[in-house]
């Protein structure tokens, strides 16, 4: 199963997936922002993350939540 996670982010922050868990009918994706060193402009870009999970692990899942730290 493929989860497509799309979001808008500027140059100065990097997004990393730190964990994925299933609790009943909900799949939770934990993401963390890291500030990069350097000089960046304020332009924003659309980022795309592809997250692959085993279909057998998410049979009963009907909701996805993404937590940001």
C-alpha atoms as a PDB file:
ATOM      1  CA  UNK A   1       0.000   0.000   0.000  1.00  0.00           C
ATOM      2  CA  UNK A   2       1.320   3.436  -0.869  1.00  0.00           C
ATOM      3  CA  UNK A   3       0.530   6.589   1.116  1.00  0.00           C
ATOM      4  CA  UNK A   4       1.145   9.854  -0.722  1.00  0.00           C
ATOM      5  CA  UNK A   5       1.911  12.727   1.664  1.00  0.00           C
ATOM      6  CA  UNK A   6       2.033  16.141  -0.001  1.00  0.00           C
ATOM      7  CA  UNK A   7       2.718  19.420   1.797  1.00  0.00           C
ATOM      8  CA  UNK A   8       4.127  22.905   1.317  1.00  0.00           C
ATOM      9  CA  UNK A   9       7.420  23.760   2.985  1.00  0.00           C
ATOM     10  CA  UNK A  10      10.144  26.367   2.611  1.00  0.00           C
ATOM     11  CA  UNK A  11      13.854  25.747   2.080  1.00  0.00           C
ATOM     12  CA  UNK A  12      14.913  26.123   5.702  1.00  0.00           C
ATOM     13  CA  UNK A  13      12.983  23.112   7.051  1.00  0.00           C
ATOM     14  CA  UNK A  14      13.399  19.460   6.294  1.00  0.00           C
ATOM     15  CA  UNK A  15      10.676  16.909   7.060  1.00  0.00           C
ATOM     16  CA  UNK A  16      11.513  13.387   8.240  1.00  0.00           C
ATOM     17  CA  UNK A  17       9.201  10.505   9.052  1.00  0.00           C
ATOM     18  CA  UNK A  18      10.125   9.241  12.534  1.00  0.00           C
ATOM     19  CA  UNK A  19       7.592   6.463  12.936  1.00  0.00           C
ATOM     20  CA  UNK A  20       4.414   4.796  11.742  1.00  0.00           C
ATOM     21  CA  UNK A  21       1.943   2.964  13.989  1.00  0.00           C
ATOM     22  CA  UNK A  22      -1.494   1.373  13.762  1.00  0.00           C
ATOM     23  CA  UNK A  23      -3.995   1.637  16.588  1.00  0.00           C
ATOM     24  CA  UNK A  24      -7.258  -0.074  15.716  1.00  0.00           C
ATOM     25  CA  UNK A  25      -8.700   1.667  12.672  1.00  0.00           C
ATOM     26  CA  UNK A  26      -6.180   4.531  12.571  1.00  0.00           C
ATOM     27  CA  UNK A  27      -2.730   4.707  11.009  1.00  0.00           C
ATOM     28  CA  UNK A  28      -0.528   7.389  12.573  1.00  0.00           C
ATOM     29  CA  UNK A  29       2.490   8.855  10.796  1.00  0.00           C
ATOM     30  CA  UNK A  30       4.897  10.798  13.030  1.00  0.00           C
ATOM     31  CA  UNK A  31       6.902  13.489  11.264  1.00  0.00           C
ATOM     32  CA  UNK A  32       9.578  15.829  12.578  1.00  0.00           C
ATOM     33  CA  UNK A  33      10.820  19.124  11.189  1.00  0.00           C
ATOM     34  CA  UNK A  34      14.538  19.844  11.219  1.00  0.00           C
ATOM     35  CA  UNK A  35      15.874  23.332  10.642  1.00  0.00           C
ATOM     36  CA  UNK A  36      18.699  23.270   8.134  1.00  0.00           C
ATOM     37  CA  UNK A  37      21.792  25.428   8.552  1.00  0.00           C
ATOM     38  CA  UNK A  38      22.520  28.082   5.989  1.00  0.00           C
ATOM     39  CA  UNK A  39      20.888  31.037   4.282  1.00  0.00           C
ATOM     40  CA  UNK A  40      17.611  30.312   2.573  1.00  0.00           C
ATOM     41  CA  UNK A  41      14.916  32.345   0.867  1.00  0.00           C
ATOM     42  CA  UNK A  42      11.255  32.286   1.869  1.00  0.00           C
ATOM     43  CA  UNK A  43      10.057  30.485  -1.238  1.00  0.00           C
ATOM     44  CA  UNK A  44       7.822  27.521  -0.572  1.00  0.00           C
ATOM     45  CA  UNK A  45       7.685  24.347  -2.561  1.00  0.00           C
ATOM     46  CA  UNK A  46       5.252  21.488  -2.706  1.00  0.00           C
ATOM     47  CA  UNK A  47       6.969  18.396  -1.324  1.00  0.00           C
ATOM     48  CA  UNK A  48       5.873  14.840  -1.888  1.00  0.00           C
ATOM     49  CA  UNK A  49       6.673  11.850   0.308  1.00  0.00           C
ATOM     50  CA  UNK A  50       5.784   8.302  -0.660  1.00  0.00           C
ATOM     51  CA  UNK A  51       5.321   5.980   2.326  1.00  0.00           C
ATOM     52  CA  UNK A  52       5.083   2.262   1.636  1.00  0.00           C
ATOM     53  CA  UNK A  53       3.364  -0.001   4.174  1.00  0.00           C
ATOM     54  CA  UNK A  54       2.394  -3.663   4.088  1.00  0.00           C
ATOM     55  CA  UNK A  55      -1.251  -3.983   3.101  1.00  0.00           C
ATOM     56  CA  UNK A  56      -1.703  -6.857   5.567  1.00  0.00           C
ATOM     57  CA  UNK A  57      -0.677  -4.505   8.422  1.00  0.00           C
ATOM     58  CA  UNK A  58      -3.430  -1.980   7.659  1.00  0.00           C
ATOM     59  CA  UNK A  59      -6.410  -4.189   6.766  1.00  0.00           C
ATOM     60  CA  UNK A  60      -8.787  -2.519   9.281  1.00  0.00           C
ATOM     61  CA  UNK A  61      -7.433   1.036   8.905  1.00  0.00           C
ATOM     62  CA  UNK A  62      -9.908   3.631   7.654  1.00  0.00           C
ATOM     63  CA  UNK A  63      -8.189   6.855   8.817  1.00  0.00           C
ATOM     64  CA  UNK A  64      -4.707   8.327   8.611  1.00  0.00           C
ATOM     65  CA  UNK A  65      -3.378  10.966  10.999  1.00  0.00           C
ATOM     66  CA  UNK A  66      -0.091  12.823  10.578  1.00  0.00           C
ATOM     67  CA  UNK A  67       1.526  14.248  13.725  1.00  0.00           C
ATOM     68  CA  UNK A  68       4.169  17.004  13.388  1.00  0.00           C
ATOM     69  CA  UNK A  69       6.817  17.853  15.965  1.00  0.00           C
END
